Amino acid sequence: MIEYLWKAAFVFYSQTSTQAEAWESKRLQLILEGKSSSVATAMRQSVSLPKLTPQ
């Protein structure tokens, strides 16, 4: 699961970004708290934001 979160984090942030680490850590914590469906829903919504480009 952690590998998938890292891959998702790198969609939103560069691989050397501390923001990617914070993003991944927050989502992992929420998943461990039993809120995985909320995390999945938020990730799907984030991908559809107009600011996200194919790059």
C-alpha atoms as a PDB file:
ATOM      1  CA  MET A   1       0.000   0.000   0.000  1.00  0.00           C
ATOM      2  CA  ILE A   2       2.787   2.418   0.847  1.00  0.00           C
ATOM      3  CA  GLU A   3       4.260   1.998  -2.637  1.00  0.00           C
ATOM      4  CA  TYR A   4       0.960   3.100  -4.192  1.00  0.00           C
ATOM      5  CA  LEU A   5       0.829   6.152  -1.943  1.00  0.00           C
ATOM      6  CA  TRP A   6       4.365   7.138  -2.978  1.00  0.00           C
ATOM      7  CA  LYS A   7       3.468   6.764  -6.655  1.00  0.00           C
ATOM      8  CA  ALA A   8       0.425   8.959  -6.104  1.00  0.00           C
ATOM      9  CA  ALA A   9       2.464  11.536  -4.156  1.00  0.00           C
ATOM     10  CA  PHE A  10       4.857  11.833  -7.087  1.00  0.00           C
ATOM     11  CA  VAL A  11       1.922  12.663  -9.364  1.00  0.00           C
ATOM     12  CA  PHE A  12       1.326  15.796  -7.315  1.00  0.00           C
ATOM     13  CA  TYR A  13       4.888  16.638  -6.208  1.00  0.00           C
ATOM     14  CA  SER A  14       8.446  16.074  -7.439  1.00  0.00           C
ATOM     15  CA  GLN A  15      10.330  13.052  -6.130  1.00  0.00           C
ATOM     16  CA  THR A  16      12.694  15.236  -4.121  1.00  0.00           C
ATOM     17  CA  SER A  17       9.944  17.332  -2.570  1.00  0.00           C
ATOM     18  CA  THR A  18       9.372  17.326   1.163  1.00  0.00           C
ATOM     19  CA  GLN A  19       5.738  18.019   0.293  1.00  0.00           C
ATOM     20  CA  ALA A  20       5.513  14.540  -1.264  1.00  0.00           C
ATOM     21  CA  GLU A  21       6.684  13.001   1.996  1.00  0.00           C
ATOM     22  CA  ALA A  22       4.181  15.005   4.035  1.00  0.00           C
ATOM     23  CA  TRP A  23       1.382  14.146   1.585  1.00  0.00           C
ATOM     24  CA  GLU A  24       2.176  10.429   1.740  1.00  0.00           C
ATOM     25  CA  SER A  25       2.519  10.406   5.533  1.00  0.00           C
ATOM     26  CA  LYS A  26      -0.843  12.100   6.032  1.00  0.00           C
ATOM     27  CA  ARG A  27      -2.655   9.660   3.738  1.00  0.00           C
ATOM     28  CA  LEU A  28      -0.947   6.661   5.336  1.00  0.00           C
ATOM     29  CA  GLN A  29      -2.011   7.862   8.784  1.00  0.00           C
ATOM     30  CA  LEU A  30      -5.602   8.249   7.627  1.00  0.00           C
ATOM     31  CA  ILE A  31      -5.573   4.750   6.111  1.00  0.00           C
ATOM     32  CA  LEU A  32      -4.207   3.285   9.349  1.00  0.00           C
ATOM     33  CA  GLU A  33      -7.050   5.049  11.180  1.00  0.00           C
ATOM     34  CA  GLY A  34      -9.540   3.180   8.991  1.00  0.00           C
ATOM     35  CA  LYS A  35     -10.363   6.046   6.651  1.00  0.00           C
ATOM     36  CA  SER A  36      -9.143   4.468   3.426  1.00  0.00           C
ATOM     37  CA  SER A  37     -12.317   5.217   1.476  1.00  0.00           C
ATOM     38  CA  SER A  38     -12.037   8.905   2.308  1.00  0.00           C
ATOM     39  CA  VAL A  39      -8.418   8.875   1.139  1.00  0.00           C
ATOM     40  CA  ALA A  40      -9.343   7.121  -2.110  1.00  0.00           C
ATOM     41  CA  THR A  41     -12.209   9.531  -2.772  1.00  0.00           C
ATOM     42  CA  ALA A  42     -10.026  12.580  -2.144  1.00  0.00           C
ATOM     43  CA  MET A  43      -7.287  11.214  -4.404  1.00  0.00           C
ATOM     44  CA  ARG A  44      -9.762  10.640  -7.247  1.00  0.00           C
ATOM     45  CA  GLN A  45     -11.096  14.164  -6.851  1.00  0.00           C
ATOM     46  CA  SER A  46      -7.583  15.649  -6.780  1.00  0.00           C
ATOM     47  CA  VAL A  47      -6.680  14.031 -10.075  1.00  0.00           C
ATOM     48  CA  SER A  48      -9.641  15.663 -11.776  1.00  0.00           C
ATOM     49  CA  LEU A  49      -8.645  19.191 -10.731  1.00  0.00           C
ATOM     50  CA  PRO A  50      -7.900  21.475 -13.685  1.00  0.00           C
ATOM     51  CA  LYS A  51      -4.435  22.377 -12.299  1.00  0.00           C
ATOM     52  CA  LEU A  52      -3.110  18.846 -12.916  1.00  0.00           C
ATOM     53  CA  THR A  53      -1.376  18.403 -16.266  1.00  0.00           C
ATOM     54  CA  PRO A  54      -0.285  15.171 -17.984  1.00  0.00           C
ATOM     55  CA  GLN A  55       3.350  15.945 -17.116  1.00  0.00           C
END
